[in-house]
Amino acid sequence: MTTLHNIVVPSGTTFELHARYVVNGLDVSTVNYRGKLQVRPFVNSPIVLFEANTVNGMVAFTGIDAGVHLLFPPEISDAWLWTIGVYDLFIKSPGGIVKRPLRGLFTVDKSITSGTVV
């Protein structure tokens, strides 16, 4: 089952989302899992506004504790010119089972202050 979870990313900040992969009330080990999250302007759009995955390091799994983690550095969100889209997260087990545990709206809360914090 896919959980609806809306994400709001304050632009220019380090965004972190930590979740657990749970099936039927039980934690599922995410050892050696891979994942991909895409944001698009609307469902079925051919345009990908943003992609996070295990290859670029913005999706990570901590294994035995069922951890699923998203981490977007500040320079990524600061560069986004768009403010709203839809997303989903696909994960793949070492055995090749693919699931979509999260989906929802993806909103960028644009900052007023710009530049590097000193």
N, C-alpha and C. Protein backbone atom coordinates (compact mmCIF):
# COMPACT_ATOMS: atom_id res chain seq x y z
N MET A 1 0.84 -1.18 0.00
CA MET A 1 0.00 0.00 0.00
C MET A 1 0.88 1.25 0.00
N THR A 2 0.49 2.22 -0.76
CA THR A 2 1.24 3.47 -0.86
C THR A 2 0.68 4.49 0.13
N THR A 3 1.56 5.08 0.91
CA THR A 3 1.16 6.09 1.88
C THR A 3 1.23 7.47 1.24
N LEU A 4 0.17 8.25 1.41
CA LEU A 4 0.14 9.62 0.94
C LEU A 4 0.85 10.48 1.98
N HIS A 5 1.95 11.12 1.57
CA HIS A 5 2.72 11.98 2.47
C HIS A 5 3.20 13.19 1.68
N ASN A 6 2.64 14.35 1.98
CA ASN A 6 3.06 15.57 1.30
C ASN A 6 4.38 16.06 1.87
N ILE A 7 5.27 16.52 0.99
CA ILE A 7 6.59 17.00 1.38
C ILE A 7 6.67 18.50 1.12
N VAL A 8 7.18 19.25 2.10
CA VAL A 8 7.46 20.68 1.94
C VAL A 8 8.94 20.88 2.20
N VAL A 9 9.66 21.39 1.20
CA VAL A 9 11.10 21.63 1.32
C VAL A 9 11.34 23.13 1.40
N PRO A 10 11.86 23.62 2.52
CA PRO A 10 12.25 25.04 2.59
C PRO A 10 13.49 25.25 1.72
N SER A 11 13.39 26.10 0.70
CA SER A 11 14.52 26.27 -0.22
C SER A 11 15.74 26.82 0.50
N GLY A 12 16.91 26.40 0.03
CA GLY A 12 18.16 26.86 0.60
C GLY A 12 18.53 26.23 1.93
N THR A 13 17.81 25.17 2.32
CA THR A 13 18.11 24.48 3.57
C THR A 13 18.46 23.03 3.29
N THR A 14 19.06 22.38 4.24
CA THR A 14 19.28 20.94 4.16
C THR A 14 17.97 20.27 4.55
N PHE A 15 17.39 19.53 3.63
CA PHE A 15 16.13 18.86 3.90
C PHE A 15 16.39 17.39 4.22
N GLU A 16 15.81 16.93 5.31
CA GLU A 16 15.94 15.53 5.71
C GLU A 16 14.57 14.96 6.02
N LEU A 17 14.31 13.79 5.52
CA LEU A 17 13.09 13.05 5.86
C LEU A 17 13.53 11.64 6.23
N HIS A 18 13.16 11.23 7.41
CA HIS A 18 13.51 9.89 7.89
C HIS A 18 12.22 9.11 8.12
N ALA A 19 12.13 7.94 7.51
CA ALA A 19 10.94 7.11 7.64
C ALA A 19 11.35 5.66 7.85
N ARG A 20 10.38 4.84 8.21
CA ARG A 20 10.60 3.40 8.35
C ARG A 20 9.73 2.69 7.34
N TYR A 21 10.28 1.64 6.72
CA TYR A 21 9.51 0.82 5.79
C TYR A 21 8.84 -0.28 6.59
N VAL A 22 7.52 -0.18 6.70
CA VAL A 22 6.74 -1.09 7.53
C VAL A 22 5.67 -1.76 6.67
N VAL A 23 5.56 -3.06 6.79
CA VAL A 23 4.54 -3.84 6.08
C VAL A 23 3.77 -4.66 7.11
N ASN A 24 2.46 -4.51 7.12
CA ASN A 24 1.60 -5.23 8.07
C ASN A 24 2.04 -5.03 9.51
N GLY A 25 2.47 -3.82 9.82
CA GLY A 25 2.87 -3.48 11.19
C GLY A 25 4.27 -3.93 11.58
N LEU A 26 5.02 -4.53 10.65
CA LEU A 26 6.36 -5.02 10.97
C LEU A 26 7.42 -4.28 10.16
N ASP A 27 8.52 -3.91 10.83
CA ASP A 27 9.65 -3.30 10.13
C ASP A 27 10.22 -4.27 9.11
N VAL A 28 10.58 -3.75 7.92
CA VAL A 28 11.21 -4.56 6.88
C VAL A 28 12.65 -4.09 6.75
N SER A 29 13.59 -5.00 6.87
CA SER A 29 15.00 -4.65 6.71
C SER A 29 15.22 -4.09 5.31
N THR A 30 15.92 -2.95 5.24
CA THR A 30 16.20 -2.32 3.95
C THR A 30 17.67 -2.47 3.56
N VAL A 31 18.33 -3.50 4.06
CA VAL A 31 19.71 -3.79 3.71
C VAL A 31 19.81 -4.00 2.20
N ASN A 32 20.72 -3.30 1.57
CA ASN A 32 21.00 -3.39 0.12
C ASN A 32 19.83 -2.99 -0.77
N TYR A 33 18.90 -2.21 -0.25
CA TYR A 33 17.81 -1.68 -1.07
C TYR A 33 18.34 -0.54 -1.94
N ARG A 34 17.61 -0.26 -3.02
CA ARG A 34 17.87 0.88 -3.89
C ARG A 34 16.57 1.65 -4.01
N GLY A 35 16.68 2.95 -4.30
CA GLY A 35 15.47 3.75 -4.39
C GLY A 35 15.59 4.90 -5.36
N LYS A 36 14.41 5.37 -5.80
CA LYS A 36 14.35 6.52 -6.71
C LYS A 36 13.09 7.31 -6.43
N LEU A 37 13.24 8.62 -6.28
CA LEU A 37 12.14 9.54 -6.10
C LEU A 37 12.18 10.52 -7.27
N GLN A 38 11.04 10.74 -7.90
CA GLN A 38 10.95 11.76 -8.96
C GLN A 38 9.83 12.73 -8.64
N VAL A 39 10.08 14.01 -8.97
CA VAL A 39 9.07 15.05 -8.87
C VAL A 39 8.73 15.50 -10.29
N ARG A 40 7.45 15.57 -10.59
CA ARG A 40 6.97 16.01 -11.90
C ARG A 40 5.90 17.08 -11.68
N PRO A 41 5.64 17.93 -12.70
CA PRO A 41 4.63 18.97 -12.52
C PRO A 41 3.23 18.42 -12.24
N PHE A 42 2.91 17.27 -12.82
CA PHE A 42 1.61 16.62 -12.61
C PHE A 42 1.77 15.15 -12.97
N VAL A 43 0.82 14.33 -12.56
CA VAL A 43 0.84 12.90 -12.84
C VAL A 43 0.90 12.67 -14.35
N ASN A 44 1.75 11.77 -14.78
CA ASN A 44 1.96 11.40 -16.19
C ASN A 44 2.68 12.46 -17.02
N SER A 45 3.21 13.50 -16.39
CA SER A 45 3.98 14.49 -17.13
C SER A 45 5.29 13.87 -17.61
N PRO A 46 5.73 14.20 -18.83
CA PRO A 46 7.02 13.70 -19.30
C PRO A 46 8.20 14.48 -18.69
N ILE A 47 7.91 15.57 -18.01
CA ILE A 47 8.95 16.44 -17.45
C ILE A 47 9.29 16.01 -16.03
N VAL A 48 10.58 15.75 -15.78
CA VAL A 48 11.06 15.45 -14.44
C VAL A 48 11.68 16.72 -13.88
N LEU A 49 11.09 17.26 -12.82
CA LEU A 49 11.61 18.48 -12.19
C LEU A 49 12.82 18.19 -11.31
N PHE A 50 12.82 17.01 -10.70
CA PHE A 50 13.88 16.65 -9.76
C PHE A 50 13.89 15.14 -9.59
N GLU A 51 15.09 14.58 -9.44
CA GLU A 51 15.22 13.16 -9.13
C GLU A 51 16.26 12.96 -8.04
N ALA A 52 15.87 12.19 -7.05
CA ALA A 52 16.78 11.75 -5.99
C ALA A 52 16.83 10.23 -6.06
N ASN A 53 18.02 9.67 -5.84
CA ASN A 53 18.14 8.22 -5.90
C ASN A 53 19.34 7.76 -5.07
N THR A 54 19.52 6.46 -5.00
CA THR A 54 20.64 5.93 -4.22
C THR A 54 21.97 6.19 -4.91
N VAL A 55 21.98 6.36 -6.23
CA VAL A 55 23.23 6.64 -6.95
C VAL A 55 23.73 8.05 -6.63
N ASN A 56 22.83 9.05 -6.62
CA ASN A 56 23.29 10.42 -6.32
C ASN A 56 23.33 10.70 -4.82
N GLY A 57 22.99 9.71 -4.01
CA GLY A 57 23.14 9.82 -2.56
C GLY A 57 22.02 10.55 -1.85
N MET A 58 20.97 10.94 -2.55
CA MET A 58 19.88 11.67 -1.90
C MET A 58 18.77 10.76 -1.39
N VAL A 59 18.87 9.46 -1.69
CA VAL A 59 18.01 8.43 -1.09
C VAL A 59 18.96 7.40 -0.48
N ALA A 60 18.72 7.08 0.78
CA ALA A 60 19.59 6.13 1.47
C ALA A 60 18.75 5.20 2.34
N PHE A 61 19.30 4.03 2.59
CA PHE A 61 18.64 3.03 3.42
C PHE A 61 19.62 2.62 4.51
N THR A 62 19.11 2.52 5.76
CA THR A 62 20.00 2.17 6.87
C THR A 62 19.90 0.72 7.28
N GLY A 63 19.09 -0.05 6.58
CA GLY A 63 19.15 -1.49 6.76
C GLY A 63 18.24 -2.09 7.79
N ILE A 64 18.86 -2.68 8.80
CA ILE A 64 18.14 -3.53 9.75
C ILE A 64 17.03 -2.79 10.47
N ASP A 65 17.16 -1.46 10.65
CA ASP A 65 16.13 -0.69 11.35
C ASP A 65 15.00 -0.23 10.42
N ALA A 66 14.98 -0.72 9.18
CA ALA A 66 13.93 -0.41 8.20
C ALA A 66 13.99 1.05 7.75
N GLY A 67 15.14 1.69 7.93
CA GLY A 67 15.25 3.12 7.63
C GLY A 67 15.27 3.45 6.16
N VAL A 68 14.48 4.47 5.81
CA VAL A 68 14.46 5.07 4.48
C VAL A 68 14.69 6.55 4.69
N HIS A 69 15.71 7.10 4.03
CA HIS A 69 16.09 8.48 4.30
C HIS A 69 16.24 9.28 3.01
N LEU A 70 15.70 10.50 3.03
CA LEU A 70 15.89 11.45 1.95
C LEU A 70 16.74 12.58 2.49
N LEU A 71 17.72 13.03 1.71
CA LEU A 71 18.59 14.12 2.12
C LEU A 71 18.90 14.98 0.89
N PHE A 72 18.37 16.22 0.90
CA PHE A 72 18.60 17.15 -0.20
C PHE A 72 19.46 18.30 0.31
N PRO A 73 20.64 18.52 -0.27
CA PRO A 73 21.50 19.61 0.18
C PRO A 73 20.90 20.97 -0.18
N PRO A 74 21.29 22.03 0.54
CA PRO A 74 20.69 23.35 0.33
C PRO A 74 20.87 23.92 -1.07
N GLU A 75 21.99 23.64 -1.71
CA GLU A 75 22.21 24.20 -3.06
C GLU A 75 21.25 23.60 -4.09
N ILE A 76 20.75 22.42 -3.83
CA ILE A 76 19.78 21.79 -4.74
C ILE A 76 18.46 22.55 -4.69
N SER A 77 17.89 22.67 -3.49
CA SER A 77 16.58 23.32 -3.37
C SER A 77 16.65 24.82 -3.66
N ASP A 78 17.79 25.43 -3.40
CA ASP A 78 17.94 26.86 -3.66
C ASP A 78 17.87 27.17 -5.16
N ALA A 79 18.26 26.21 -5.99
CA ALA A 79 18.30 26.42 -7.44
C ALA A 79 16.96 26.14 -8.13
N TRP A 80 16.03 25.51 -7.42
CA TRP A 80 14.75 25.19 -8.04
C TRP A 80 13.96 26.45 -8.36
N LEU A 81 13.48 26.57 -9.60
CA LEU A 81 12.66 27.70 -10.01
C LEU A 81 11.17 27.38 -9.90
N TRP A 82 10.84 26.15 -9.71
CA TRP A 82 9.45 25.70 -9.58
C TRP A 82 9.09 25.61 -8.10
N THR A 83 7.79 25.57 -7.80
CA THR A 83 7.39 25.54 -6.39
C THR A 83 6.45 24.39 -6.02
N ILE A 84 5.87 23.70 -7.01
CA ILE A 84 4.96 22.61 -6.66
C ILE A 84 4.97 21.53 -7.73
N GLY A 85 4.81 20.31 -7.27
CA GLY A 85 4.74 19.16 -8.16
C GLY A 85 4.17 17.97 -7.41
N VAL A 86 4.24 16.82 -8.03
CA VAL A 86 3.82 15.57 -7.40
C VAL A 86 5.02 14.62 -7.43
N TYR A 87 5.07 13.73 -6.47
CA TYR A 87 6.22 12.81 -6.40
C TYR A 87 5.74 11.42 -6.02
N ASP A 88 6.61 10.46 -6.27
CA ASP A 88 6.49 9.16 -5.63
C ASP A 88 7.88 8.58 -5.44
N LEU A 89 7.97 7.66 -4.51
CA LEU A 89 9.23 7.00 -4.18
C LEU A 89 9.09 5.52 -4.48
N PHE A 90 9.97 5.00 -5.33
CA PHE A 90 10.02 3.57 -5.62
C PHE A 90 11.24 3.00 -4.92
N ILE A 91 11.08 1.82 -4.32
CA ILE A 91 12.21 1.13 -3.70
C ILE A 91 12.28 -0.29 -4.26
N LYS A 92 13.51 -0.81 -4.32
CA LYS A 92 13.74 -2.14 -4.89
C LYS A 92 14.58 -2.96 -3.92
N SER A 93 14.07 -4.14 -3.58
CA SER A 93 14.79 -5.03 -2.67
C SER A 93 15.90 -5.74 -3.43
N PRO A 94 16.86 -6.33 -2.71
CA PRO A 94 17.92 -7.09 -3.37
C PRO A 94 17.36 -8.25 -4.21
N GLY A 95 16.17 -8.74 -3.87
CA GLY A 95 15.55 -9.82 -4.63
C GLY A 95 14.77 -9.35 -5.85
N GLY A 96 14.77 -8.02 -6.08
CA GLY A 96 14.11 -7.48 -7.27
C GLY A 96 12.66 -7.06 -7.08
N ILE A 97 12.14 -7.12 -5.85
CA ILE A 97 10.76 -6.70 -5.59
C ILE A 97 10.72 -5.18 -5.54
N VAL A 98 9.84 -4.58 -6.35
CA VAL A 98 9.71 -3.12 -6.42
C VAL A 98 8.40 -2.71 -5.75
N LYS A 99 8.50 -1.71 -4.86
CA LYS A 99 7.33 -1.18 -4.15
C LYS A 99 7.33 0.35 -4.26
N ARG A 100 6.16 0.94 -4.07
CA ARG A 100 6.00 2.39 -4.06
C ARG A 100 5.42 2.80 -2.71
N PRO A 101 6.27 2.98 -1.69
CA PRO A 101 5.75 3.23 -0.35
C PRO A 101 5.25 4.65 -0.10
N LEU A 102 5.72 5.64 -0.86
CA LEU A 102 5.32 7.03 -0.63
C LEU A 102 4.94 7.73 -1.91
N ARG A 103 3.97 8.64 -1.79
CA ARG A 103 3.60 9.52 -2.90
C ARG A 103 2.91 10.74 -2.30
N GLY A 104 2.82 11.81 -3.09
CA GLY A 104 2.10 12.98 -2.61
C GLY A 104 2.49 14.25 -3.34
N LEU A 105 2.09 15.37 -2.75
CA LEU A 105 2.48 16.68 -3.26
C LEU A 105 3.89 17.00 -2.79
N PHE A 106 4.62 17.72 -3.61
CA PHE A 106 5.98 18.14 -3.28
C PHE A 106 6.01 19.65 -3.47
N THR A 107 6.16 20.38 -2.38
CA THR A 107 6.11 21.84 -2.41
C THR A 107 7.45 22.42 -1.99
N VAL A 108 7.88 23.45 -2.70
CA VAL A 108 9.10 24.18 -2.35
C VAL A 108 8.67 25.51 -1.72
N ASP A 109 9.07 25.70 -0.47
CA ASP A 109 8.79 26.94 0.26
C ASP A 109 9.96 27.88 0.00
N LYS A 110 9.77 28.80 -0.97
CA LYS A 110 10.86 29.69 -1.39
C LYS A 110 11.28 30.61 -0.25
N SER A 111 12.60 30.78 -0.11
CA SER A 111 13.13 31.61 0.98
C SER A 111 13.19 33.08 0.57
N ILE A 112 13.24 33.93 1.54
CA ILE A 112 13.40 35.36 1.34
C ILE A 112 14.89 35.70 1.34
N THR A 113 15.61 35.16 2.32
CA THR A 113 17.05 35.38 2.43
C THR A 113 17.76 34.53 1.41
N SER A 114 18.77 35.10 0.75
CA SER A 114 19.53 34.33 -0.23
C SER A 114 21.02 34.40 0.09
N GLY A 115 21.77 33.53 -0.56
CA GLY A 115 23.21 33.51 -0.35
C GLY A 115 23.62 32.54 0.74
N THR A 116 24.92 32.41 0.90
CA THR A 116 25.49 31.48 1.86
C THR A 116 25.42 32.04 3.27
N VAL A 117 25.05 31.20 4.23
CA VAL A 117 25.05 31.59 5.63
C VAL A 117 26.49 31.61 6.10
N VAL A 118 26.90 32.70 6.74
CA VAL A 118 28.29 32.83 7.21
C VAL A 118 28.37 32.68 8.71
